[in-house]
Amino acid sequence: MKQLSILIGAALLAACGGPPPPARTVAEFVQDPALLQGVMIRCKQERARGERDPECVNALAAVERLADEERARREGERAAEFERQREERRAQEEQQRRAAEQATPRFDPYSSPVGGEPPAGTSAAPAATSSAATTKPRS
C-alpha cells in the first residue's frame, strides 16, 4: 500500500511538471516584441484568466510603456520639425527686412542740409535785415 501511494504521488508530480515558470518581466516584453505579441494574443483568448495572470499584467504594462515611448518619440520629432520651420521663417523674414531696408534710402544727418528746404514763396537768399543796416552811422 505504501508503494502504491508513492507511485501515485510520483505520477502526479510527473504529470504536473513541477512549479510553473516565473512570469516574464515588463523589460523582457519590451525587448522582445514577438514574445509580447504572442502573450497578448494568449491573454486575449483567455480573458477571464488573463486579468489575474501576472504575465498578462506585465504584458499590458509593456504595451503601455512602448506606447508612451512612441508618443514621446513622435512628440520630439514634431518639436524638432516645428523648430526647423520656425528658423526657416525667421531667416525668410530677416531676408525680407534687409531687402526692404536696402530699398528705402536711409537718412544721413551728417550730409543733409541744416535748415532743410526753404518755405514756399520765399527766396533762397538770406534776408538783408540786419541791425547794422537800419542804424545810422555815428559821427
C-alpha atoms as a PDB file:
ATOM      1  CA  MET A   1       0.000   0.000   0.000  1.00  0.00           C
ATOM      2  CA  LYS A   2       2.835   2.323   0.830  1.00  0.00           C
ATOM      3  CA  GLN A   3       4.435   1.635  -2.534  1.00  0.00           C
ATOM      4  CA  LEU A   4       1.188   2.389  -4.293  1.00  0.00           C
ATOM      5  CA  SER A   5       0.848   5.788  -2.642  1.00  0.00           C
ATOM      6  CA  ILE A   6       4.461   6.637  -3.519  1.00  0.00           C
ATOM      7  CA  LEU A   7       3.823   5.569  -7.100  1.00  0.00           C
ATOM      8  CA  ILE A   8       0.667   7.706  -7.322  1.00  0.00           C
ATOM      9  CA  GLY A   9       2.482  10.692  -5.792  1.00  0.00           C
ATOM     10  CA  ALA A  10       5.358  10.345  -8.267  1.00  0.00           C
ATOM     11  CA  ALA A  11       2.905  10.106 -11.170  1.00  0.00           C
ATOM     12  CA  LEU A  12       1.129  13.239 -10.025  1.00  0.00           C
ATOM     13  CA  LEU A  13       4.397  15.156  -9.743  1.00  0.00           C
ATOM     14  CA  ALA A  14       5.475  13.970 -13.182  1.00  0.00           C
ATOM     15  CA  ALA A  15       2.121  14.989 -14.699  1.00  0.00           C
ATOM     16  CA  CYS A  16       2.231  18.443 -13.174  1.00  0.00           C
ATOM     17  CA  GLY A  17       5.735  19.095 -14.448  1.00  0.00           C
ATOM     18  CA  GLY A  18       6.846  20.940 -11.357  1.00  0.00           C
ATOM     19  CA  PRO A  19       6.245  24.537 -10.429  1.00  0.00           C
ATOM     20  CA  PRO A  20       5.130  26.917 -13.196  1.00  0.00           C
ATOM     21  CA  PRO A  21       7.832  29.148 -14.680  1.00  0.00           C
ATOM     22  CA  PRO A  22       8.019  32.649 -13.249  1.00  0.00           C
ATOM     23  CA  ALA A  23       6.127  35.361 -15.103  1.00  0.00           C
ATOM     24  CA  ARG A  24       8.165  37.305 -17.642  1.00  0.00           C
ATOM     25  CA  THR A  25       9.007  40.870 -16.676  1.00  0.00           C
ATOM     26  CA  VAL A  26       7.966  44.072 -18.387  1.00  0.00           C
ATOM     27  CA  ALA A  27      11.564  44.627 -19.524  1.00  0.00           C
ATOM     28  CA  GLU A  28      11.629  41.217 -21.229  1.00  0.00           C
ATOM     29  CA  PHE A  29       8.454  42.061 -23.115  1.00  0.00           C
ATOM     30  CA  VAL A  30       9.765  45.491 -24.135  1.00  0.00           C
ATOM     31  CA  GLN A  31      12.948  43.930 -25.519  1.00  0.00           C
ATOM     32  CA  ASP A  32      11.152  41.157 -27.432  1.00  0.00           C
ATOM     33  CA  PRO A  33       8.118  42.426 -29.389  1.00  0.00           C
ATOM     34  CA  ALA A  34       7.388  38.961 -30.849  1.00  0.00           C
ATOM     35  CA  LEU A  35       7.126  37.477 -27.361  1.00  0.00           C
ATOM     36  CA  LEU A  36       4.915  40.369 -26.290  1.00  0.00           C
ATOM     37  CA  GLN A  37       2.619  39.847 -29.250  1.00  0.00           C
ATOM     38  CA  GLY A  38       2.302  36.124 -28.542  1.00  0.00           C
ATOM     39  CA  VAL A  39       1.481  36.652 -24.872  1.00  0.00           C
ATOM     40  CA  MET A  40      -1.050  39.376 -25.717  1.00  0.00           C
ATOM     41  CA  ILE A  41      -2.817  37.018 -28.123  1.00  0.00           C
ATOM     42  CA  ARG A  42      -2.912  34.304 -25.445  1.00  0.00           C
ATOM     43  CA  CYS A  43      -4.194  36.779 -22.855  1.00  0.00           C
ATOM     44  CA  LYS A  44      -6.994  37.930 -25.166  1.00  0.00           C
ATOM     45  CA  GLN A  45      -8.009  34.341 -25.808  1.00  0.00           C
ATOM     46  CA  GLU A  46      -8.056  33.558 -22.097  1.00  0.00           C
ATOM     47  CA  ARG A  47      -9.583  36.849 -20.990  1.00  0.00           C
ATOM     48  CA  ALA A  48     -11.152  35.519 -17.783  1.00  0.00           C
ATOM     49  CA  ARG A  49      -7.830  34.144 -16.601  1.00  0.00           C
ATOM     50  CA  GLY A  50      -5.753  36.843 -18.303  1.00  0.00           C
ATOM     51  CA  GLU A  51      -6.833  39.598 -15.954  1.00  0.00           C
ATOM     52  CA  ARG A  52      -5.356  37.753 -12.991  1.00  0.00           C
ATOM     53  CA  ASP A  53      -2.323  36.261 -14.738  1.00  0.00           C
ATOM     54  CA  PRO A  54       0.829  38.213 -13.730  1.00  0.00           C
ATOM     55  CA  GLU A  55       2.343  37.626 -17.162  1.00  0.00           C
ATOM     56  CA  CYS A  56      -0.672  39.269 -18.816  1.00  0.00           C
ATOM     57  CA  VAL A  57      -0.448  42.188 -16.384  1.00  0.00           C
ATOM     58  CA  ASN A  58       3.247  42.613 -17.256  1.00  0.00           C
ATOM     59  CA  ALA A  59       2.466  42.342 -20.974  1.00  0.00           C
ATOM     60  CA  LEU A  60      -0.136  45.106 -20.690  1.00  0.00           C
ATOM     61  CA  ALA A  61       2.355  47.283 -18.794  1.00  0.00           C
ATOM     62  CA  ALA A  62       4.919  46.660 -21.538  1.00  0.00           C
ATOM     63  CA  VAL A  63       2.389  47.687 -24.204  1.00  0.00           C
ATOM     64  CA  GLU A  64       1.698  50.912 -22.298  1.00  0.00           C
ATOM     65  CA  ARG A  65       5.413  51.607 -21.878  1.00  0.00           C
ATOM     66  CA  LEU A  66       6.060  51.066 -25.590  1.00  0.00           C
ATOM     67  CA  ALA A  67       3.135  53.348 -26.453  1.00  0.00           C
ATOM     68  CA  ASP A  68       4.494  56.052 -24.127  1.00  0.00           C
ATOM     69  CA  GLU A  69       7.952  55.764 -25.699  1.00  0.00           C
ATOM     70  CA  GLU A  70       6.467  56.006 -29.192  1.00  0.00           C
ATOM     71  CA  ARG A  71       4.378  59.020 -28.160  1.00  0.00           C
ATOM     72  CA  ALA A  72       7.444  60.745 -26.697  1.00  0.00           C
ATOM     73  CA  ARG A  73       9.461  59.989 -29.844  1.00  0.00           C
ATOM     74  CA  ARG A  74       6.746  61.448 -32.078  1.00  0.00           C
ATOM     75  CA  GLU A  75       6.436  64.498 -29.848  1.00  0.00           C
ATOM     76  CA  GLY A  76      10.192  65.047 -30.090  1.00  0.00           C
ATOM     77  CA  GLU A  77      10.062  64.761 -33.876  1.00  0.00           C
ATOM     78  CA  ARG A  78       7.189  67.256 -34.012  1.00  0.00           C
ATOM     79  CA  ALA A  79       9.065  69.697 -31.788  1.00  0.00           C
ATOM     80  CA  ALA A  80      12.188  69.389 -33.940  1.00  0.00           C
ATOM     81  CA  GLU A  81      10.142  69.963 -37.112  1.00  0.00           C
ATOM     82  CA  PHE A  82       8.451  72.990 -35.518  1.00  0.00           C
ATOM     83  CA  GLU A  83      11.844  74.487 -34.592  1.00  0.00           C
ATOM     84  CA  ARG A  84      13.188  73.846 -38.103  1.00  0.00           C
ATOM     85  CA  GLN A  85      10.186  75.595 -39.678  1.00  0.00           C
ATOM     86  CA  ARG A  86      10.451  78.432 -37.177  1.00  0.00           C
ATOM     87  CA  GLU A  87      14.121  79.008 -38.057  1.00  0.00           C
ATOM     88  CA  GLU A  88      13.302  78.939 -41.780  1.00  0.00           C
ATOM     89  CA  ARG A  89      10.559  81.511 -41.252  1.00  0.00           C
ATOM     90  CA  ARG A  90      12.828  83.749 -39.171  1.00  0.00           C
ATOM     91  CA  ALA A  91      15.524  83.601 -41.855  1.00  0.00           C
ATOM     92  CA  GLN A  92      12.970  84.421 -44.556  1.00  0.00           C
ATOM     93  CA  GLU A  93      11.571  87.372 -42.573  1.00  0.00           C
ATOM     94  CA  GLU A  94      15.091  88.647 -41.877  1.00  0.00           C
ATOM     95  CA  GLN A  95      15.886  88.465 -45.591  1.00  0.00           C
ATOM     96  CA  GLN A  96      12.691  90.385 -46.420  1.00  0.00           C
ATOM     97  CA  ARG A  97      13.500  93.003 -43.756  1.00  0.00           C
ATOM     98  CA  ARG A  98      17.006  93.519 -45.169  1.00  0.00           C
ATOM     99  CA  ALA A  99      15.642  93.819 -48.718  1.00  0.00           C
ATOM    100  CA  ALA A 100      13.096  96.430 -47.586  1.00  0.00           C
ATOM    101  CA  GLU A 101      15.798  98.288 -45.654  1.00  0.00           C
ATOM    102  CA  GLN A 102      18.045  98.422 -48.707  1.00  0.00           C
ATOM    103  CA  ALA A 103      15.182  99.589 -50.934  1.00  0.00           C
ATOM    104  CA  THR A 104      14.445 102.690 -48.827  1.00  0.00           C
ATOM    105  CA  PRO A 105      17.147 105.388 -48.574  1.00  0.00           C
ATOM    106  CA  ARG A 106      18.497 105.954 -45.118  1.00  0.00           C
ATOM    107  CA  PHE A 107      18.560 109.399 -43.558  1.00  0.00           C
ATOM    108  CA  ASP A 108      22.116 110.628 -43.013  1.00  0.00           C
ATOM    109  CA  PRO A 109      22.161 113.543 -40.569  1.00  0.00           C
ATOM    110  CA  TYR A 110      25.782 114.440 -41.431  1.00  0.00           C
ATOM    111  CA  SER A 111      25.231 115.032 -45.145  1.00  0.00           C
ATOM    112  CA  SER A 112      21.753 116.563 -45.053  1.00  0.00           C
ATOM    113  CA  PRO A 113      21.231 120.333 -45.153  1.00  0.00           C
ATOM    114  CA  VAL A 114      20.911 122.021 -41.784  1.00  0.00           C
ATOM    115  CA  GLY A 115      17.914 124.184 -42.463  1.00  0.00           C
ATOM    116  CA  GLY A 116      16.136 121.950 -44.819  1.00  0.00           C
ATOM    117  CA  GLU A 117      14.040 123.320 -47.699  1.00  0.00           C
ATOM    118  CA  PRO A 118      13.007 126.970 -47.542  1.00  0.00           C
ATOM    119  CA  PRO A 119       9.280 127.623 -47.231  1.00  0.00           C
ATOM    120  CA  ALA A 120       7.342 128.083 -50.451  1.00  0.00           C
ATOM    121  CA  GLY A 121       7.159 131.645 -51.817  1.00  0.00           C
ATOM    122  CA  THR A 122      10.404 132.892 -50.313  1.00  0.00           C
ATOM    123  CA  SER A 123      13.739 133.269 -51.952  1.00  0.00           C
ATOM    124  CA  ALA A 124      16.636 131.096 -51.048  1.00  0.00           C
ATOM    125  CA  ALA A 125      18.845 134.164 -50.354  1.00  0.00           C
ATOM    126  CA  PRO A 126      19.102 135.259 -46.739  1.00  0.00           C
ATOM    127  CA  ALA A 127      17.182 138.363 -45.735  1.00  0.00           C
ATOM    128  CA  ALA A 128      19.149 141.662 -45.667  1.00  0.00           C
ATOM    129  CA  THR A 129      17.584 142.890 -42.478  1.00  0.00           C
ATOM    130  CA  SER A 130      20.375 143.206 -40.058  1.00  0.00           C
ATOM    131  CA  SER A 131      20.691 145.694 -37.261  1.00  0.00           C
ATOM    132  CA  ALA A 132      23.729 147.370 -38.879  1.00  0.00           C
ATOM    133  CA  ALA A 133      21.764 148.306 -41.992  1.00  0.00           C
ATOM    134  CA  THR A 134      18.970 150.015 -40.087  1.00  0.00           C
ATOM    135  CA  THR A 135      21.059 152.085 -37.729  1.00  0.00           C
ATOM    136  CA  LYS A 136      22.732 155.352 -38.668  1.00  0.00           C
ATOM    137  CA  PRO A 137      26.474 155.578 -38.606  1.00  0.00           C
ATOM    138  CA  ARG A 138      27.923 157.654 -35.755  1.00  0.00           C
ATOM    139  CA  SER A 139      29.861 160.745 -36.400  1.00  0.00           C
END
